Amino acid sequence: MVRPPILGGNERVGVFATRSPFRPNNLGLSSVRIVKIEWEGSRGPIIKVKGADLMDGTPIFDIKPYVTYADCHEGARSGFVDSHDWKRLQVIIPEELGNLFSPKELETLKEVLSWDPRPQTQIHQDKVFGMPYGEYDIRFWVQEDTLTVIEVV
């Protein structure tokens, strides 16, 4: 069981129903479209997929939900994740800190930070958080709906 951030970090769901990297196996991930589910058969239910980057006959051990805010298949649905709002933050990076990055790196950093990288079980208004980004540690805090970078180490 894991606690997905999209559920506030307090609700538990089975690890195989999530995209959690904390898994009891070393299996690879493929993004596929479910074409058909055959419920009746001698081997039990059979799930037919397309778009897999694996050989015919390769077993599929588990299926994770597709998450539209993290993946990029136009028109796809996210399962239980669609029923929860994920609010983006306004990001402020002071110019002297932003100058440490190329324009593309800065754009990417702002995008990542806008998705609120704080652990959802520890959202405090007055706490300084950090996250690695390239060779740096980005330190920030969040007040209301605004994330402000306060230090780049």
C-alpha atoms as a PDB file:
ATOM      1  CA  MET A   1       0.000   0.000   0.000  1.00  0.00           C
ATOM      2  CA  VAL A   2       1.169   3.529  -0.837  1.00  0.00           C
ATOM      3  CA  ARG A   3      -0.171   7.046  -0.292  1.00  0.00           C
ATOM      4  CA  PRO A   4      -0.371   8.902  -3.635  1.00  0.00           C
ATOM      5  CA  PRO A   5       0.241  12.669  -3.392  1.00  0.00           C
ATOM      6  CA  ILE A   6      -2.821  13.379  -5.532  1.00  0.00           C
ATOM      7  CA  LEU A   7      -4.963  11.881  -2.750  1.00  0.00           C
ATOM      8  CA  GLY A   8      -3.373  14.205  -0.184  1.00  0.00           C
ATOM      9  CA  GLY A   9      -0.901  11.597   1.038  1.00  0.00           C
ATOM     10  CA  ASN A  10      -3.370  10.316   3.615  1.00  0.00           C
ATOM     11  CA  GLU A  11      -5.410   7.796   1.612  1.00  0.00           C
ATOM     12  CA  ARG A  12      -3.840   4.396   0.960  1.00  0.00           C
ATOM     13  CA  VAL A  13      -4.207   2.473  -2.312  1.00  0.00           C
ATOM     14  CA  GLY A  14      -2.488  -0.631  -3.637  1.00  0.00           C
ATOM     15  CA  VAL A  15       0.966  -0.036  -5.115  1.00  0.00           C
ATOM     16  CA  PHE A  16      -0.013  -1.757  -8.365  1.00  0.00           C
ATOM     17  CA  ALA A  17      -2.826   0.774  -8.870  1.00  0.00           C
ATOM     18  CA  THR A  18      -0.341   3.656  -8.801  1.00  0.00           C
ATOM     19  CA  ARG A  19       2.753   4.979 -10.531  1.00  0.00           C
ATOM     20  CA  SER A  20       4.797   4.699  -7.343  1.00  0.00           C
ATOM     21  CA  PRO A  21       8.476   3.892  -7.940  1.00  0.00           C
ATOM     22  CA  PHE A  22       8.493   1.944  -4.653  1.00  0.00           C
ATOM     23  CA  ARG A  23       7.572  -1.429  -6.109  1.00  0.00           C
ATOM     24  CA  PRO A  24       8.360  -5.008  -5.138  1.00  0.00           C
ATOM     25  CA  ASN A  25       9.870  -5.792  -8.554  1.00  0.00           C
ATOM     26  CA  ASN A  26      12.304  -4.618 -11.242  1.00  0.00           C
ATOM     27  CA  LEU A  27       9.833  -4.605 -14.108  1.00  0.00           C
ATOM     28  CA  GLY A  28       9.895  -2.049 -16.914  1.00  0.00           C
ATOM     29  CA  LEU A  29       7.090   0.357 -17.725  1.00  0.00           C
ATOM     30  CA  SER A  30       5.281   0.784 -21.048  1.00  0.00           C
ATOM     31  CA  SER A  31       2.518   3.179 -21.920  1.00  0.00           C
ATOM     32  CA  VAL A  32      -0.174   1.220 -23.753  1.00  0.00           C
ATOM     33  CA  ARG A  33      -3.792   1.599 -24.783  1.00  0.00           C
ATOM     34  CA  ILE A  34      -6.236  -1.037 -23.572  1.00  0.00           C
ATOM     35  CA  VAL A  35      -8.078  -2.186 -26.691  1.00  0.00           C
ATOM     36  CA  LYS A  36     -10.212  -4.960 -25.285  1.00  0.00           C
ATOM     37  CA  ILE A  37     -10.729  -7.072 -22.189  1.00  0.00           C
ATOM     38  CA  GLU A  38     -11.866 -10.656 -22.777  1.00  0.00           C
ATOM     39  CA  TRP A  39     -13.427 -11.747 -19.505  1.00  0.00           C
ATOM     40  CA  GLU A  40     -14.212 -15.325 -20.506  1.00  0.00           C
ATOM     41  CA  GLY A  41     -11.361 -17.643 -21.415  1.00  0.00           C
ATOM     42  CA  SER A  42      -9.524 -20.768 -20.355  1.00  0.00           C
ATOM     43  CA  ARG A  43      -6.636 -18.684 -18.961  1.00  0.00           C
ATOM     44  CA  GLY A  44      -8.837 -16.118 -17.202  1.00  0.00           C
ATOM     45  CA  PRO A  45      -9.332 -12.532 -18.305  1.00  0.00           C
ATOM     46  CA  ILE A  46      -7.134 -11.410 -21.199  1.00  0.00           C
ATOM     47  CA  ILE A  47      -6.295  -7.743 -21.689  1.00  0.00           C
ATOM     48  CA  LYS A  48      -5.444  -6.798 -25.265  1.00  0.00           C
ATOM     49  CA  VAL A  49      -3.243  -3.725 -25.623  1.00  0.00           C
ATOM     50  CA  LYS A  50      -1.645  -1.763 -28.431  1.00  0.00           C
ATOM     51  CA  GLY A  51       1.338   0.545 -28.524  1.00  0.00           C
ATOM     52  CA  ALA A  52       3.516  -1.622 -26.283  1.00  0.00           C
ATOM     53  CA  ASP A  53       7.279  -1.467 -26.683  1.00  0.00           C
ATOM     54  CA  LEU A  54       7.676  -5.177 -25.940  1.00  0.00           C
ATOM     55  CA  MET A  55       7.618  -8.439 -27.854  1.00  0.00           C
ATOM     56  CA  ASP A  56       4.373 -10.350 -28.581  1.00  0.00           C
ATOM     57  CA  GLY A  57       3.665 -12.750 -25.750  1.00  0.00           C
ATOM     58  CA  THR A  58       5.610 -10.784 -23.123  1.00  0.00           C
ATOM     59  CA  PRO A  59       3.609 -10.995 -19.910  1.00  0.00           C
ATOM     60  CA  ILE A  60       2.145  -7.824 -18.441  1.00  0.00           C
ATOM     61  CA  PHE A  61       2.316  -8.122 -14.690  1.00  0.00           C
ATOM     62  CA  ASP A  62       0.402  -5.054 -13.596  1.00  0.00           C
ATOM     63  CA  ILE A  63      -1.396  -2.059 -15.002  1.00  0.00           C
ATOM     64  CA  LYS A  64      -0.962   1.439 -13.632  1.00  0.00           C
ATOM     65  CA  PRO A  65      -3.262   4.396 -14.173  1.00  0.00           C
ATOM     66  CA  TYR A  66      -2.470   6.860 -16.897  1.00  0.00           C
ATOM     67  CA  VAL A  67      -1.965  10.340 -15.438  1.00  0.00           C
ATOM     68  CA  THR A  68      -2.653  13.176 -17.886  1.00  0.00           C
ATOM     69  CA  TYR A  69      -0.723  15.837 -15.948  1.00  0.00           C
ATOM     70  CA  ALA A  70       2.472  13.750 -16.072  1.00  0.00           C
ATOM     71  CA  ASP A  71       2.086  11.879 -19.365  1.00  0.00           C
ATOM     72  CA  CYS A  72       1.309  13.234 -22.791  1.00  0.00           C
ATOM     73  CA  HIS A  73      -1.175  11.115 -24.732  1.00  0.00           C
ATOM     74  CA  GLU A  74      -3.794  13.557 -26.009  1.00  0.00           C
ATOM     75  CA  GLY A  75      -7.331  12.652 -24.957  1.00  0.00           C
ATOM     76  CA  ALA A  76      -6.355   9.937 -22.458  1.00  0.00           C
ATOM     77  CA  ARG A  77      -8.104   9.552 -19.091  1.00  0.00           C
ATOM     78  CA  SER A  78      -6.413   9.164 -15.699  1.00  0.00           C
ATOM     79  CA  GLY A  79      -8.705   6.817 -13.773  1.00  0.00           C
ATOM     80  CA  PHE A  80      -9.096   7.699 -10.087  1.00  0.00           C
ATOM     81  CA  VAL A  81      -6.691  10.641 -10.486  1.00  0.00           C
ATOM     82  CA  ASP A  82      -9.240  12.516 -12.674  1.00  0.00           C
ATOM     83  CA  SER A  83     -11.565  12.874  -9.675  1.00  0.00           C
ATOM     84  CA  HIS A  84      -9.039  14.946  -7.684  1.00  0.00           C
ATOM     85  CA  ASP A  85      -7.992  18.520  -8.389  1.00  0.00           C
ATOM     86  CA  TRP A  86      -4.301  19.265  -8.757  1.00  0.00           C
ATOM     87  CA  LYS A  87      -3.778  22.977  -8.317  1.00  0.00           C
ATOM     88  CA  ARG A  88      -0.719  24.561  -9.928  1.00  0.00           C
ATOM     89  CA  LEU A  89       1.279  27.189  -8.094  1.00  0.00           C
ATOM     90  CA  GLN A  90       2.548  30.540  -9.278  1.00  0.00           C
ATOM     91  CA  VAL A  91       6.368  30.376  -9.180  1.00  0.00           C
ATOM     92  CA  ILE A  92       8.639  33.280  -8.292  1.00  0.00           C
ATOM     93  CA  ILE A  93      12.374  32.910  -8.861  1.00  0.00           C
ATOM     94  CA  PRO A  94      14.390  36.040  -8.062  1.00  0.00           C
ATOM     95  CA  GLU A  95      16.464  37.221 -11.038  1.00  0.00           C
ATOM     96  CA  GLU A  96      19.812  36.654  -9.295  1.00  0.00           C
ATOM     97  CA  LEU A  97      18.872  32.983  -8.729  1.00  0.00           C
ATOM     98  CA  GLY A  98      17.282  32.542 -12.151  1.00  0.00           C
ATOM     99  CA  ASN A  99      20.528  33.733 -13.773  1.00  0.00           C
ATOM    100  CA  LEU A 100      22.198  30.497 -12.625  1.00  0.00           C
ATOM    101  CA  PHE A 101      20.226  28.615 -15.302  1.00  0.00           C
ATOM    102  CA  SER A 102      19.934  28.708 -19.068  1.00  0.00           C
ATOM    103  CA  PRO A 103      16.558  29.982 -20.353  1.00  0.00           C
ATOM    104  CA  LYS A 104      15.435  26.395 -21.091  1.00  0.00           C
ATOM    105  CA  GLU A 105      16.571  25.124 -17.666  1.00  0.00           C
ATOM    106  CA  LEU A 106      14.751  28.010 -15.982  1.00  0.00           C
ATOM    107  CA  GLU A 107      11.560  27.324 -17.941  1.00  0.00           C
ATOM    108  CA  THR A 108      11.707  23.634 -16.984  1.00  0.00           C
ATOM    109  CA  LEU A 109      12.408  24.438 -13.327  1.00  0.00           C
ATOM    110  CA  LYS A 110       9.400  26.761 -13.176  1.00  0.00           C
ATOM    111  CA  GLU A 111       7.211  24.093 -14.753  1.00  0.00           C
ATOM    112  CA  VAL A 112       8.341  21.440 -12.246  1.00  0.00           C
ATOM    113  CA  LEU A 113       7.893  23.774  -9.280  1.00  0.00           C
ATOM    114  CA  SER A 114       4.420  24.826 -10.449  1.00  0.00           C
ATOM    115  CA  TRP A 115       3.236  21.248  -9.839  1.00  0.00           C
ATOM    116  CA  ASP A 116       4.073  21.625  -6.113  1.00  0.00           C
ATOM    117  CA  PRO A 117       6.892  19.162  -5.358  1.00  0.00           C
ATOM    118  CA  ARG A 118       6.270  19.242  -1.601  1.00  0.00           C
ATOM    119  CA  PRO A 119       5.322  15.945   0.062  1.00  0.00           C
ATOM    120  CA  GLN A 120       1.542  16.268   0.225  1.00  0.00           C
ATOM    121  CA  THR A 121       1.504  14.902   3.778  1.00  0.00           C
ATOM    122  CA  GLN A 122       3.726  17.772   4.947  1.00  0.00           C
ATOM    123  CA  ILE A 123       2.218  20.901   3.477  1.00  0.00           C
ATOM    124  CA  HIS A 124       3.105  23.663   5.912  1.00  0.00           C
ATOM    125  CA  GLN A 125       2.937  27.359   5.123  1.00  0.00           C
ATOM    126  CA  ASP A 126       6.084  28.318   7.057  1.00  0.00           C
ATOM    127  CA  LYS A 127       8.440  25.468   6.164  1.00  0.00           C
ATOM    128  CA  VAL A 128      11.377  25.636   3.757  1.00  0.00           C
ATOM    129  CA  PHE A 129      11.457  22.707   1.326  1.00  0.00           C
ATOM    130  CA  GLY A 130      14.201  21.559  -1.010  1.00  0.00           C
ATOM    131  CA  MET A 131      14.518  19.478  -4.138  1.00  0.00           C
ATOM    132  CA  PRO A 132      17.416  18.500  -6.391  1.00  0.00           C
ATOM    133  CA  TYR A 133      17.546  20.038  -9.849  1.00  0.00           C
ATOM    134  CA  GLY A 134      20.572  19.224 -11.973  1.00  0.00           C
ATOM    135  CA  GLU A 135      23.629  19.966  -9.882  1.00  0.00           C
ATOM    136  CA  TYR A 136      21.697  22.246  -7.519  1.00  0.00           C
ATOM    137  CA  ASP A 137      19.472  21.975  -4.479  1.00  0.00           C
ATOM    138  CA  ILE A 138      16.516  24.325  -4.908  1.00  0.00           C
ATOM    139  CA  ARG A 139      15.159  25.687  -1.614  1.00  0.00           C
ATOM    140  CA  PHE A 140      11.692  27.216  -1.569  1.00  0.00           C
ATOM    141  CA  TRP A 141       8.615  27.938   0.469  1.00  0.00           C
ATOM    142  CA  VAL A 142       4.966  28.224  -0.405  1.00  0.00           C
ATOM    143  CA  GLN A 143       2.544  30.850   0.826  1.00  0.00           C
ATOM    144  CA  GLU A 144      -1.044  30.521  -0.352  1.00  0.00           C
ATOM    145  CA  ASP A 145      -0.802  29.662  -4.082  1.00  0.00           C
ATOM    146  CA  THR A 146       2.710  31.084  -4.639  1.00  0.00           C
ATOM    147  CA  LEU A 147       5.983  29.171  -4.476  1.00  0.00           C
ATOM    148  CA  THR A 148       9.049  31.370  -3.974  1.00  0.00           C
ATOM    149  CA  VAL A 149      12.590  30.095  -4.508  1.00  0.00           C
ATOM    150  CA  ILE A 150      14.688  31.480  -1.674  1.00  0.00           C
ATOM    151  CA  GLU A 151      18.042  29.774  -2.264  1.00  0.00           C
ATOM    152  CA  VAL A 152      19.925  27.728  -4.846  1.00  0.00           C
ATOM    153  CA  VAL A 153      22.755  25.662  -3.344  1.00  0.00           C
END
